[in-house]
Amino acid sequence: MFCIFSFFQASCQAFLLAIKRVVDTRIVSTTRRLFARSEEPVSVSSTMASAS
């Protein structure tokens, strides 16, 4: 009986860890996407003379 309970507990912990990793991955992905959208475009002016 104890062996069955300990197997169930281990598989439950593995399942919860897998769910936690998926949630963490989604949070990081969403955060990166929000920061990517909020960046202001940077204007770059060239100091090199034109060849034409």
PDB file of N, CA and C in Angstrom:
ATOM      1  N   MET A   1       0.828  -1.200   0.000  1.00  0.00           N
ATOM      2  CA  MET A   1       0.000   0.000   0.000  1.00  0.00           C
ATOM      3  C   MET A   1       0.871   1.261   0.000  1.00  0.00           C
ATOM      4  N   PHE A   2       1.911   1.282   0.834  1.00  0.00           N
ATOM      5  CA  PHE A   2       2.787   2.450   0.917  1.00  0.00           C
ATOM      6  C   PHE A   2       3.481   2.689  -0.417  1.00  0.00           C
ATOM      7  N   CYS A   3       3.854   1.612  -1.098  1.00  0.00           N
ATOM      8  CA  CYS A   3       4.543   1.731  -2.386  1.00  0.00           C
ATOM      9  C   CYS A   3       3.634   2.414  -3.421  1.00  0.00           C
ATOM     10  N   ILE A   4       2.373   2.055  -3.436  1.00  0.00           N
ATOM     11  CA  ILE A   4       1.422   2.657  -4.375  1.00  0.00           C
ATOM     12  C   ILE A   4       1.246   4.142  -4.056  1.00  0.00           C
ATOM     13  N   PHE A   5       1.133   4.478  -2.768  1.00  0.00           N
ATOM     14  CA  PHE A   5       0.960   5.868  -2.364  1.00  0.00           C
ATOM     15  C   PHE A   5       2.181   6.695  -2.745  1.00  0.00           C
ATOM     16  N   SER A   6       3.371   6.146  -2.519  1.00  0.00           N
ATOM     17  CA  SER A   6       4.577   6.908  -2.835  1.00  0.00           C
ATOM     18  C   SER A   6       4.727   7.085  -4.345  1.00  0.00           C
ATOM     19  N   PHE A   7       4.320   6.103  -5.148  1.00  0.00           N
ATOM     20  CA  PHE A   7       4.347   6.247  -6.608  1.00  0.00           C
ATOM     21  C   PHE A   7       3.378   7.339  -7.050  1.00  0.00           C
ATOM     22  N   PHE A   8       2.176   7.351  -6.468  1.00  0.00           N
ATOM     23  CA  PHE A   8       1.179   8.356  -6.811  1.00  0.00           C
ATOM     24  C   PHE A   8       1.673   9.749  -6.436  1.00  0.00           C
ATOM     25  N   GLN A   9       2.303   9.865  -5.278  1.00  0.00           N
ATOM     26  CA  GLN A   9       2.810  11.159  -4.830  1.00  0.00           C
ATOM     27  C   GLN A   9       3.910  11.661  -5.774  1.00  0.00           C
ATOM     28  N   ALA A  10       4.805  10.776  -6.195  1.00  0.00           N
ATOM     29  CA  ALA A  10       5.892  11.166  -7.097  1.00  0.00           C
ATOM     30  C   ALA A  10       5.341  11.602  -8.452  1.00  0.00           C
ATOM     31  N   SER A  11       4.368  10.868  -8.979  1.00  0.00           N
ATOM     32  CA  SER A  11       3.810  11.240 -10.278  1.00  0.00           C
ATOM     33  C   SER A  11       3.006  12.532 -10.174  1.00  0.00           C
ATOM     34  N   CYS A  12       2.367  12.761  -9.053  1.00  0.00           N
ATOM     35  CA  CYS A  12       1.623  14.000  -8.840  1.00  0.00           C
ATOM     36  C   CYS A  12       2.591  15.183  -8.781  1.00  0.00           C
ATOM     37  N   GLN A  13       3.707  15.011  -8.101  1.00  0.00           N
ATOM     38  CA  GLN A  13       4.706  16.081  -8.022  1.00  0.00           C
ATOM     39  C   GLN A  13       5.285  16.382  -9.403  1.00  0.00           C
ATOM     40  N   ALA A  14       5.544  15.353 -10.194  1.00  0.00           N
ATOM     41  CA  ALA A  14       6.069  15.550 -11.547  1.00  0.00           C
ATOM     42  C   ALA A  14       5.047  16.292 -12.411  1.00  0.00           C
ATOM     43  N   PHE A  15       3.779  15.946 -12.251  1.00  0.00           N
ATOM     44  CA  PHE A  15       2.713  16.605 -13.000  1.00  0.00           C
ATOM     45  C   PHE A  15       2.624  18.085 -12.627  1.00  0.00           C
ATOM     46  N   LEU A  16       2.673  18.384 -11.336  1.00  0.00           N
ATOM     47  CA  LEU A  16       2.607  19.778 -10.884  1.00  0.00           C
ATOM     48  C   LEU A  16       3.822  20.574 -11.359  1.00  0.00           C
ATOM     49  N   LEU A  17       4.991  19.947 -11.358  1.00  0.00           N
ATOM     50  CA  LEU A  17       6.196  20.616 -11.847  1.00  0.00           C
ATOM     51  C   LEU A  17       6.070  20.934 -13.341  1.00  0.00           C
ATOM     52  N   ALA A  18       5.520  19.996 -14.107  1.00  0.00           N
ATOM     53  CA  ALA A  18       5.335  20.226 -15.543  1.00  0.00           C
ATOM     54  C   ALA A  18       4.372  21.384 -15.784  1.00  0.00           C
ATOM     55  N   ILE A  19       3.288  21.448 -15.030  1.00  0.00           N
ATOM     56  CA  ILE A  19       2.329  22.548 -15.174  1.00  0.00           C
ATOM     57  C   ILE A  19       2.984  23.868 -14.808  1.00  0.00           C
ATOM     58  N   LYS A  20       3.772  23.881 -13.740  1.00  0.00           N
ATOM     59  CA  LYS A  20       4.449  25.109 -13.309  1.00  0.00           C
ATOM     60  C   LYS A  20       5.403  25.604 -14.399  1.00  0.00           C
ATOM     61  N   ARG A  21       6.104  24.699 -15.049  1.00  0.00           N
ATOM     62  CA  ARG A  21       7.039  25.098 -16.108  1.00  0.00           C
ATOM     63  C   ARG A  21       6.294  25.684 -17.303  1.00  0.00           C
ATOM     64  N   VAL A  22       5.140  25.118 -17.645  1.00  0.00           N
ATOM     65  CA  VAL A  22       4.343  25.644 -18.756  1.00  0.00           C
ATOM     66  C   VAL A  22       3.847  27.047 -18.421  1.00  0.00           C
ATOM     67  N   VAL A  23       3.361  27.244 -17.203  1.00  0.00           N
ATOM     68  CA  VAL A  23       2.869  28.561 -16.789  1.00  0.00           C
ATOM     69  C   VAL A  23       4.008  29.568 -16.798  1.00  0.00           C
ATOM     70  N   ASP A  24       5.173  29.189 -16.266  1.00  0.00           N
ATOM     71  CA  ASP A  24       6.327  30.092 -16.257  1.00  0.00           C
ATOM     72  C   ASP A  24       6.734  30.470 -17.679  1.00  0.00           C
ATOM     73  N   THR A  25       6.731  29.504 -18.586  1.00  0.00           N
ATOM     74  CA  THR A  25       7.107  29.764 -19.976  1.00  0.00           C
ATOM     75  C   THR A  25       6.137  30.747 -20.622  1.00  0.00           C
ATOM     76  N   ARG A  26       4.851  30.588 -20.345  1.00  0.00           N
ATOM     77  CA  ARG A  26       3.852  31.500 -20.919  1.00  0.00           C
ATOM     78  C   ARG A  26       4.010  32.908 -20.362  1.00  0.00           C
ATOM     79  N   ILE A  27       4.304  33.026 -19.079  1.00  0.00           N
ATOM     80  CA  ILE A  27       4.489  34.349 -18.467  1.00  0.00           C
ATOM     81  C   ILE A  27       5.693  35.045 -19.091  1.00  0.00           C
ATOM     82  N   VAL A  28       6.792  34.322 -19.247  1.00  0.00           N
ATOM     83  CA  VAL A  28       7.998  34.908 -19.844  1.00  0.00           C
ATOM     84  C   VAL A  28       7.721  35.320 -21.286  1.00  0.00           C
ATOM     85  N   SER A  29       7.027  34.482 -22.039  1.00  0.00           N
ATOM     86  CA  SER A  29       6.714  34.787 -23.433  1.00  0.00           C
ATOM     87  C   SER A  29       5.843  36.036 -23.540  1.00  0.00           C
ATOM     88  N   THR A  30       4.827  36.132 -22.694  1.00  0.00           N
ATOM     89  CA  THR A  30       3.945  37.300 -22.706  1.00  0.00           C
ATOM     90  C   THR A  30       4.701  38.556 -22.315  1.00  0.00           C
ATOM     91  N   THR A  31       5.558  38.459 -21.317  1.00  0.00           N
ATOM     92  CA  THR A  31       6.336  39.614 -20.870  1.00  0.00           C
ATOM     93  C   THR A  31       7.259  40.098 -21.974  1.00  0.00           C
ATOM     94  N   ARG A  32       7.926  39.187 -22.649  1.00  0.00           N
ATOM     95  CA  ARG A  32       8.817  39.569 -23.751  1.00  0.00           C
ATOM     96  C   ARG A  32       8.043  40.255 -24.866  1.00  0.00           C
ATOM     97  N   ARG A  33       6.865  39.727 -25.172  1.00  0.00           N
ATOM     98  CA  ARG A  33       6.050  40.306 -26.236  1.00  0.00           C
ATOM     99  C   ARG A  33       5.609  41.723 -25.866  1.00  0.00           C
ATOM    100  N   LEU A  34       5.228  41.942 -24.620  1.00  0.00           N
ATOM    101  CA  LEU A  34       4.806  43.272 -24.184  1.00  0.00           C
ATOM    102  C   LEU A  34       5.959  44.263 -24.246  1.00  0.00           C
ATOM    103  N   PHE A  35       7.141  43.839 -23.811  1.00  0.00           N
ATOM    104  CA  PHE A  35       8.297  44.733 -23.867  1.00  0.00           C
ATOM    105  C   PHE A  35       8.699  45.025 -25.306  1.00  0.00           C
ATOM    106  N   ALA A  36       8.566  44.052 -26.190  1.00  0.00           N
ATOM    107  CA  ALA A  36       8.924  44.254 -27.589  1.00  0.00           C
ATOM    108  C   ALA A  36       7.994  45.282 -28.232  1.00  0.00           C
ATOM    109  N   ARG A  37       6.730  45.282 -27.847  1.00  0.00           N
ATOM    110  CA  ARG A  37       5.776  46.235 -28.413  1.00  0.00           C
ATOM    111  C   ARG A  37       5.971  47.636 -27.853  1.00  0.00           C
ATOM    112  N   SER A  38       6.459  47.746 -26.630  1.00  0.00           N
ATOM    113  CA  SER A  38       6.536  49.052 -25.985  1.00  0.00           C
ATOM    114  C   SER A  38       7.794  49.835 -26.340  1.00  0.00           C
ATOM    115  N   GLU A  39       8.721  49.227 -27.038  1.00  0.00           N
ATOM    116  CA  GLU A  39       9.944  49.941 -27.404  1.00  0.00           C
ATOM    117  C   GLU A  39       9.641  51.002 -28.451  1.00  0.00           C
ATOM    118  N   GLU A  40      10.204  52.175 -28.271  1.00  0.00           N
ATOM    119  CA  GLU A  40      10.032  53.268 -29.225  1.00  0.00           C
ATOM    120  C   GLU A  40      11.015  53.090 -30.379  1.00  0.00           C
ATOM    121  N   PRO A  41      10.591  53.375 -31.600  1.00  0.00           N
ATOM    122  CA  PRO A  41      11.531  53.298 -32.721  1.00  0.00           C
ATOM    123  C   PRO A  41      12.619  54.363 -32.582  1.00  0.00           C
ATOM    124  N   VAL A  42      13.813  53.998 -32.950  1.00  0.00           N
ATOM    125  CA  VAL A  42      14.949  54.908 -32.818  1.00  0.00           C
ATOM    126  C   VAL A  42      15.294  55.446 -34.197  1.00  0.00           C
ATOM    127  N   SER A  43      15.413  56.751 -34.293  1.00  0.00           N
ATOM    128  CA  SER A  43      15.782  57.384 -35.557  1.00  0.00           C
ATOM    129  C   SER A  43      17.299  57.379 -35.680  1.00  0.00           C
ATOM    130  N   VAL A  44      17.802  56.934 -36.827  1.00  0.00           N
ATOM    131  CA  VAL A  44      19.244  56.877 -37.051  1.00  0.00           C
ATOM    132  C   VAL A  44      19.567  57.762 -38.241  1.00  0.00           C
ATOM    133  N   SER A  45      20.450  58.711 -38.028  1.00  0.00           N
ATOM    134  CA  SER A  45      20.866  59.563 -39.148  1.00  0.00           C
ATOM    135  C   SER A  45      22.303  59.209 -39.512  1.00  0.00           C
ATOM    136  N   SER A  46      22.555  59.105 -40.783  1.00  0.00           N
ATOM    137  CA  SER A  46      23.875  58.721 -41.256  1.00  0.00           C
ATOM    138  C   SER A  46      24.789  59.939 -41.322  1.00  0.00           C
ATOM    139  N   THR A  47      26.042  59.749 -40.927  1.00  0.00           N
ATOM    140  CA  THR A  47      27.025  60.834 -41.006  1.00  0.00           C
ATOM    141  C   THR A  47      27.936  60.661 -42.213  1.00  0.00           C
ATOM    142  N   MET A  48      27.718  59.593 -42.988  1.00  0.00           N
ATOM    143  CA  MET A  48      28.551  59.359 -44.170  1.00  0.00           C
ATOM    144  C   MET A  48      28.009  60.159 -45.353  1.00  0.00           C
ATOM    145  N   ALA A  49      28.888  60.654 -46.179  1.00  0.00           N
ATOM    146  CA  ALA A  49      28.483  61.394 -47.373  1.00  0.00           C
ATOM    147  C   ALA A  49      27.886  60.440 -48.391  1.00  0.00           C
ATOM    148  N   SER A  50      26.911  60.905 -49.108  1.00  0.00           N
ATOM    149  CA  SER A  50      26.267  60.091 -50.127  1.00  0.00           C
ATOM    150  C   SER A  50      27.189  59.942 -51.337  1.00  0.00           C
ATOM    151  N   ALA A  51      27.173  58.762 -51.975  1.00  0.00           N
ATOM    152  CA  ALA A  51      28.031  58.501 -53.134  1.00  0.00           C
ATOM    153  C   ALA A  51      27.446  59.081 -54.412  1.00  0.00           C
ATOM    154  N   SER A  52      26.175  59.448 -54.414  1.00  0.00           N
ATOM    155  CA  SER A  52      25.555  59.928 -55.656  1.00  0.00           C
ATOM    156  C   SER A  52      25.664  61.412 -55.865  1.00  0.00           C
TER     157      SER A  52
END
